[in-house]
Structures are given as C-alpha cells and as structure tokens.
N, C-alpha and C. Protein backbone atom coordinates (compact mmCIF):
# COMPACT_ATOMS: atom_id res chain seq x y z
N MET A 1 -259.87 -215.52 38.80
CA MET A 1 -259.32 -214.19 38.92
C MET A 1 -257.97 -214.28 39.63
N GLU A 2 -256.99 -213.62 39.07
CA GLU A 2 -255.65 -213.59 39.67
C GLU A 2 -255.71 -212.95 41.06
N GLU A 3 -254.81 -213.38 41.93
CA GLU A 3 -254.77 -212.87 43.30
C GLU A 3 -254.62 -211.35 43.35
N ALA A 4 -253.70 -210.82 42.58
CA ALA A 4 -253.45 -209.37 42.61
C ALA A 4 -254.69 -208.60 42.13
N ALA A 5 -255.34 -209.10 41.11
CA ALA A 5 -256.55 -208.45 40.60
C ALA A 5 -257.66 -208.50 41.64
N PHE A 6 -257.82 -209.65 42.30
CA PHE A 6 -258.83 -209.75 43.34
C PHE A 6 -258.52 -208.79 44.48
N ASN A 7 -257.28 -208.75 44.95
CA ASN A 7 -256.92 -207.86 46.06
C ASN A 7 -257.20 -206.41 45.71
N ALA A 8 -256.90 -206.00 44.49
CA ALA A 8 -257.18 -204.62 44.07
C ALA A 8 -258.68 -204.36 44.06
N LEU A 9 -259.46 -205.30 43.54
CA LEU A 9 -260.92 -205.16 43.50
C LEU A 9 -261.50 -205.11 44.91
N ALA A 10 -261.07 -206.01 45.77
CA ALA A 10 -261.57 -206.06 47.14
C ALA A 10 -261.15 -204.83 47.94
N ASP A 11 -259.92 -204.38 47.77
CA ASP A 11 -259.47 -203.18 48.50
C ASP A 11 -260.26 -201.95 48.08
N ALA A 12 -260.56 -201.83 46.79
CA ALA A 12 -261.39 -200.71 46.32
C ALA A 12 -262.78 -200.79 46.94
N GLU A 13 -263.33 -202.00 47.03
CA GLU A 13 -264.66 -202.16 47.63
C GLU A 13 -264.63 -201.85 49.11
N LEU A 14 -263.59 -202.29 49.80
CA LEU A 14 -263.47 -201.98 51.23
C LEU A 14 -263.38 -200.47 51.46
N ALA A 15 -262.70 -199.75 50.58
CA ALA A 15 -262.63 -198.28 50.69
C ALA A 15 -264.02 -197.67 50.51
N ARG A 16 -264.82 -198.20 49.56
CA ARG A 16 -266.19 -197.71 49.36
C ARG A 16 -267.06 -198.03 50.58
N ILE A 17 -266.88 -199.21 51.14
CA ILE A 17 -267.63 -199.58 52.35
C ILE A 17 -267.29 -198.64 53.49
N GLU A 18 -266.00 -198.38 53.67
CA GLU A 18 -265.58 -197.46 54.74
C GLU A 18 -266.21 -196.09 54.56
N ALA A 19 -266.18 -195.56 53.34
CA ALA A 19 -266.77 -194.24 53.07
C ALA A 19 -268.28 -194.25 53.35
N ALA A 20 -268.96 -195.32 52.94
CA ALA A 20 -270.40 -195.42 53.17
C ALA A 20 -270.71 -195.47 54.66
N LEU A 21 -269.92 -196.23 55.42
CA LEU A 21 -270.15 -196.34 56.85
C LEU A 21 -269.86 -195.03 57.58
N GLU A 22 -268.84 -194.30 57.13
CA GLU A 22 -268.49 -193.04 57.78
C GLU A 22 -269.61 -192.02 57.69
N SER A 23 -270.41 -192.10 56.64
CA SER A 23 -271.46 -191.10 56.45
C SER A 23 -272.87 -191.67 56.67
N CYS A 24 -272.99 -192.82 57.33
CA CYS A 24 -274.30 -193.48 57.45
C CYS A 24 -275.18 -192.92 58.55
N GLY A 25 -274.63 -192.19 59.51
CA GLY A 25 -275.44 -191.62 60.58
C GLY A 25 -275.45 -192.43 61.87
N ALA A 26 -274.92 -193.63 61.85
CA ALA A 26 -274.84 -194.44 63.08
C ALA A 26 -273.58 -194.03 63.85
N ASP A 27 -273.63 -194.16 65.17
CA ASP A 27 -272.49 -193.83 66.01
C ASP A 27 -271.53 -195.02 66.03
N ILE A 28 -270.55 -195.00 65.11
CA ILE A 28 -269.60 -196.10 64.98
C ILE A 28 -268.19 -195.56 64.83
N ASP A 29 -267.24 -196.38 65.23
CA ASP A 29 -265.83 -196.08 65.00
C ASP A 29 -265.32 -197.12 64.01
N ILE A 30 -264.62 -196.65 62.99
CA ILE A 30 -264.09 -197.53 61.95
C ILE A 30 -262.58 -197.47 62.01
N GLU A 31 -261.97 -198.64 62.12
CA GLU A 31 -260.51 -198.70 62.14
C GLU A 31 -260.02 -199.65 61.05
N PRO A 32 -259.43 -199.08 59.99
CA PRO A 32 -258.83 -199.94 58.97
C PRO A 32 -257.58 -200.63 59.54
N LYS A 33 -257.43 -201.89 59.25
CA LYS A 33 -256.28 -202.67 59.70
C LYS A 33 -255.51 -203.16 58.48
N PRO A 34 -254.25 -203.50 58.64
CA PRO A 34 -253.47 -204.02 57.52
C PRO A 34 -254.08 -205.30 56.95
N GLY A 35 -253.86 -205.52 55.67
CA GLY A 35 -254.29 -206.76 55.05
C GLY A 35 -255.72 -206.77 54.58
N GLY A 36 -256.34 -205.60 54.43
CA GLY A 36 -257.70 -205.56 53.93
C GLY A 36 -258.75 -205.88 54.97
N VAL A 37 -258.66 -205.23 56.14
CA VAL A 37 -259.59 -205.48 57.23
C VAL A 37 -260.17 -204.15 57.72
N LEU A 38 -261.49 -204.12 57.92
CA LEU A 38 -262.15 -202.99 58.58
C LEU A 38 -262.74 -203.50 59.88
N GLU A 39 -262.40 -202.85 60.98
CA GLU A 39 -262.98 -203.19 62.28
C GLU A 39 -263.92 -202.06 62.66
N ILE A 40 -265.18 -202.39 62.84
CA ILE A 40 -266.20 -201.40 63.16
C ILE A 40 -266.68 -201.65 64.58
N GLU A 41 -266.62 -200.62 65.41
CA GLU A 41 -267.11 -200.73 66.78
C GLU A 41 -268.31 -199.81 66.95
N PHE A 42 -269.37 -200.37 67.51
CA PHE A 42 -270.61 -199.64 67.71
C PHE A 42 -270.64 -199.04 69.10
N GLU A 43 -271.52 -198.05 69.30
CA GLU A 43 -271.63 -197.35 70.58
C GLU A 43 -271.90 -198.32 71.72
N ASN A 44 -272.61 -199.41 71.46
CA ASN A 44 -272.95 -200.38 72.50
C ASN A 44 -271.83 -201.38 72.78
N GLY A 45 -270.67 -201.19 72.14
CA GLY A 45 -269.52 -202.04 72.39
C GLY A 45 -269.40 -203.26 71.48
N THR A 46 -270.43 -203.54 70.67
CA THR A 46 -270.34 -204.67 69.74
C THR A 46 -269.45 -204.29 68.57
N LYS A 47 -268.95 -205.31 67.88
CA LYS A 47 -268.06 -205.09 66.75
C LYS A 47 -268.53 -205.84 65.52
N MET A 48 -268.07 -205.35 64.39
CA MET A 48 -268.27 -206.02 63.11
C MET A 48 -266.91 -205.98 62.41
N ILE A 49 -266.55 -207.08 61.79
CA ILE A 49 -265.30 -207.15 61.04
C ILE A 49 -265.64 -207.41 59.57
N ILE A 50 -265.07 -206.63 58.69
CA ILE A 50 -265.24 -206.81 57.25
C ILE A 50 -263.84 -206.96 56.67
N ASN A 51 -263.62 -208.05 55.95
CA ASN A 51 -262.28 -208.26 55.41
C ASN A 51 -262.33 -208.98 54.07
N ARG A 52 -261.23 -208.82 53.34
CA ARG A 52 -261.10 -209.60 52.11
C ARG A 52 -260.51 -210.95 52.48
N HIS A 53 -260.98 -211.98 51.81
CA HIS A 53 -260.43 -213.32 52.01
C HIS A 53 -259.90 -213.74 50.65
N THR A 54 -258.61 -213.55 50.46
CA THR A 54 -257.99 -213.74 49.16
C THR A 54 -258.09 -215.18 48.67
N ALA A 55 -257.86 -216.14 49.54
CA ALA A 55 -257.88 -217.55 49.11
C ALA A 55 -259.23 -217.93 48.51
N ALA A 56 -260.33 -217.44 49.11
CA ALA A 56 -261.67 -217.76 48.62
C ALA A 56 -262.16 -216.76 47.58
N ARG A 57 -261.41 -215.65 47.38
CA ARG A 57 -261.81 -214.57 46.47
C ARG A 57 -263.17 -214.00 46.90
N GLU A 58 -263.29 -213.70 48.20
CA GLU A 58 -264.54 -213.21 48.77
C GLU A 58 -264.26 -212.07 49.75
N ILE A 59 -265.29 -211.29 50.04
CA ILE A 59 -265.29 -210.36 51.16
C ILE A 59 -266.14 -211.03 52.24
N TRP A 60 -265.59 -211.09 53.45
CA TRP A 60 -266.28 -211.71 54.57
C TRP A 60 -266.72 -210.65 55.57
N VAL A 61 -267.91 -210.84 56.12
CA VAL A 61 -268.45 -209.96 57.14
C VAL A 61 -268.78 -210.81 58.37
N ALA A 62 -268.20 -210.45 59.50
CA ALA A 62 -268.50 -211.10 60.78
C ALA A 62 -269.24 -210.08 61.63
N ALA A 63 -270.51 -210.37 61.91
CA ALA A 63 -271.36 -209.46 62.68
C ALA A 63 -271.93 -210.22 63.88
N LYS A 64 -272.60 -209.50 64.74
CA LYS A 64 -273.20 -210.11 65.93
C LYS A 64 -274.17 -211.23 65.54
N SER A 65 -274.87 -211.06 64.41
CA SER A 65 -275.88 -212.04 64.01
C SER A 65 -275.32 -213.19 63.17
N GLY A 66 -274.04 -213.14 62.81
CA GLY A 66 -273.47 -214.24 62.05
C GLY A 66 -272.40 -213.80 61.08
N CYS A 67 -271.97 -214.75 60.27
CA CYS A 67 -270.91 -214.50 59.28
C CYS A 67 -271.49 -214.63 57.88
N PHE A 68 -270.99 -213.80 56.97
CA PHE A 68 -271.52 -213.74 55.62
C PHE A 68 -270.36 -213.62 54.64
N HIS A 69 -270.47 -214.29 53.52
CA HIS A 69 -269.42 -214.28 52.49
C HIS A 69 -270.01 -213.74 51.20
N PHE A 70 -269.25 -212.86 50.52
CA PHE A 70 -269.72 -212.21 49.29
C PHE A 70 -268.69 -212.38 48.18
N ARG A 71 -269.17 -212.72 46.99
CA ARG A 71 -268.31 -212.88 45.81
C ARG A 71 -268.66 -211.82 44.78
N PRO A 72 -267.66 -211.37 44.03
CA PRO A 72 -267.96 -210.41 42.96
C PRO A 72 -268.73 -211.09 41.84
N ASP A 73 -269.74 -210.38 41.32
CA ASP A 73 -270.57 -210.91 40.24
C ASP A 73 -271.13 -209.75 39.44
N SER A 74 -270.60 -209.56 38.25
CA SER A 74 -271.10 -208.51 37.33
C SER A 74 -271.13 -207.13 37.98
N GLY A 75 -270.06 -206.77 38.68
CA GLY A 75 -269.96 -205.44 39.28
C GLY A 75 -270.59 -205.30 40.65
N ARG A 76 -271.18 -206.37 41.17
CA ARG A 76 -271.78 -206.34 42.51
C ARG A 76 -271.16 -207.45 43.34
N TRP A 77 -271.32 -207.35 44.64
CA TRP A 77 -270.86 -208.40 45.55
C TRP A 77 -272.10 -209.07 46.12
N LEU A 78 -272.23 -210.39 45.87
CA LEU A 78 -273.43 -211.12 46.26
C LEU A 78 -273.09 -212.22 47.26
N ALA A 79 -274.00 -212.41 48.23
CA ALA A 79 -273.80 -213.42 49.27
C ALA A 79 -273.81 -214.81 48.66
N THR A 80 -272.89 -215.62 49.14
CA THR A 80 -272.78 -216.99 48.62
C THR A 80 -273.94 -217.86 49.06
N ARG A 81 -274.59 -217.53 50.16
CA ARG A 81 -275.71 -218.33 50.68
C ARG A 81 -277.01 -218.07 49.95
N ASP A 82 -277.36 -216.78 49.84
CA ASP A 82 -278.70 -216.46 49.34
C ASP A 82 -278.73 -215.41 48.23
N GLY A 83 -277.57 -214.94 47.78
CA GLY A 83 -277.52 -213.96 46.70
C GLY A 83 -277.81 -212.54 47.13
N ALA A 84 -277.91 -212.29 48.45
CA ALA A 84 -278.16 -210.93 48.94
C ALA A 84 -277.02 -210.01 48.52
N GLU A 85 -277.33 -208.77 48.24
CA GLU A 85 -276.35 -207.78 47.82
C GLU A 85 -275.62 -207.24 49.05
N LEU A 86 -274.33 -207.03 48.93
CA LEU A 86 -273.47 -206.63 50.04
C LEU A 86 -273.99 -205.41 50.79
N TYR A 87 -274.32 -204.33 50.10
CA TYR A 87 -274.71 -203.10 50.78
C TYR A 87 -276.08 -203.22 51.45
N ALA A 88 -276.99 -203.98 50.85
CA ALA A 88 -278.29 -204.21 51.48
C ALA A 88 -278.08 -205.00 52.78
N MET A 89 -277.22 -206.00 52.74
CA MET A 89 -276.94 -206.80 53.93
C MET A 89 -276.24 -205.95 55.00
N LEU A 90 -275.25 -205.14 54.59
CA LEU A 90 -274.57 -204.29 55.56
C LEU A 90 -275.53 -203.29 56.20
N SER A 91 -276.46 -202.75 55.42
CA SER A 91 -277.46 -201.83 55.98
C SER A 91 -278.24 -202.50 57.10
N GLU A 92 -278.68 -203.73 56.85
CA GLU A 92 -279.44 -204.47 57.86
C GLU A 92 -278.57 -204.82 59.07
N LEU A 93 -277.35 -205.24 58.84
CA LEU A 93 -276.47 -205.60 59.96
C LEU A 93 -276.13 -204.40 60.82
N VAL A 94 -275.88 -203.25 60.19
CA VAL A 94 -275.61 -202.02 60.95
C VAL A 94 -276.84 -201.63 61.75
N ARG A 95 -278.03 -201.74 61.16
CA ARG A 95 -279.27 -201.44 61.88
C ARG A 95 -279.41 -202.34 63.10
N GLN A 96 -279.15 -203.62 62.91
CA GLN A 96 -279.28 -204.57 64.02
C GLN A 96 -278.34 -204.24 65.16
N GLN A 97 -277.11 -203.85 64.84
CA GLN A 97 -276.12 -203.63 65.90
C GLN A 97 -276.15 -202.22 66.46
N SER A 98 -276.62 -201.24 65.69
CA SER A 98 -276.62 -199.86 66.17
C SER A 98 -277.99 -199.39 66.62
N GLY A 99 -279.04 -200.02 66.10
CA GLY A 99 -280.39 -199.55 66.39
C GLY A 99 -280.80 -198.37 65.52
N VAL A 100 -279.96 -198.01 64.55
CA VAL A 100 -280.23 -196.88 63.67
C VAL A 100 -280.47 -197.41 62.26
N ALA A 101 -281.59 -197.02 61.67
CA ALA A 101 -281.87 -197.44 60.29
C ALA A 101 -280.94 -196.68 59.35
N VAL A 102 -280.22 -197.40 58.53
CA VAL A 102 -279.30 -196.79 57.57
C VAL A 102 -279.54 -197.42 56.20
N SER A 103 -279.13 -196.68 55.19
CA SER A 103 -279.22 -197.19 53.82
C SER A 103 -277.86 -196.97 53.17
N LEU A 104 -277.06 -198.03 53.15
CA LEU A 104 -275.71 -197.94 52.60
C LEU A 104 -275.73 -198.24 51.11
N SER A 105 -274.87 -197.55 50.39
CA SER A 105 -274.70 -197.84 48.95
C SER A 105 -273.25 -197.59 48.56
N ALA A 106 -272.87 -198.15 47.42
CA ALA A 106 -271.49 -198.02 46.96
C ALA A 106 -271.20 -196.63 46.44
N GLY A 107 -272.22 -195.85 46.16
CA GLY A 107 -272.02 -194.52 45.56
C GLY A 107 -271.71 -193.53 46.56
C-alpha cells in the first residue's frame, strides 16, 4: 500500500476511534496530536497513546498493559500478534485503565 493511501486510511480510522472514545462513557480526555496521534488520559492519571506508524503500515496502541500493533485486513484492523480486532482490544484496554466497561465500535 502506498504511503499516502495508508496515511489516509489510518487517519480516517483514528477519527473513528476518537469519536468512539468520546461517546464511550468513561471519564477520559482525548487530545489529538499532529502526525496521526491520539493521546488519551484517564481520570486516574494513566495514559494511552494510539498512533499510525506509516513505515510499518500499522496503527499502534500503547497502553498500561502493553503495546499492540494492528494492520488493515479486509476492512478491519487486526492485531499482528493474535488477530484480535482493534475495537474489541480497545474496549478491553479502556476497561482496564478506566474501570468502566465499554463497548467500542467503528460505527
């Protein structure tokens, strides 16, 4: 995939992630940063960083419990380690860091 095409795809996904997080019900602050980065701060002071990694053609998530890499595959973003779907993983990571059960989706 060409770099420009990947950046457009990843930026669109990051916008969907931001929208999903804004309406998830957890007490979080979301700050978009230049270059395709979302910085999420939780009420307890912990942070999560979600960003596009153009060189690897992946979206990376850095959370309290670890780092995760996702690649586009047939319209979904799947973890490179175990094939977990991006929004299912984000739901679990937000629950772990906020203590609030959430169900995130791209819609």
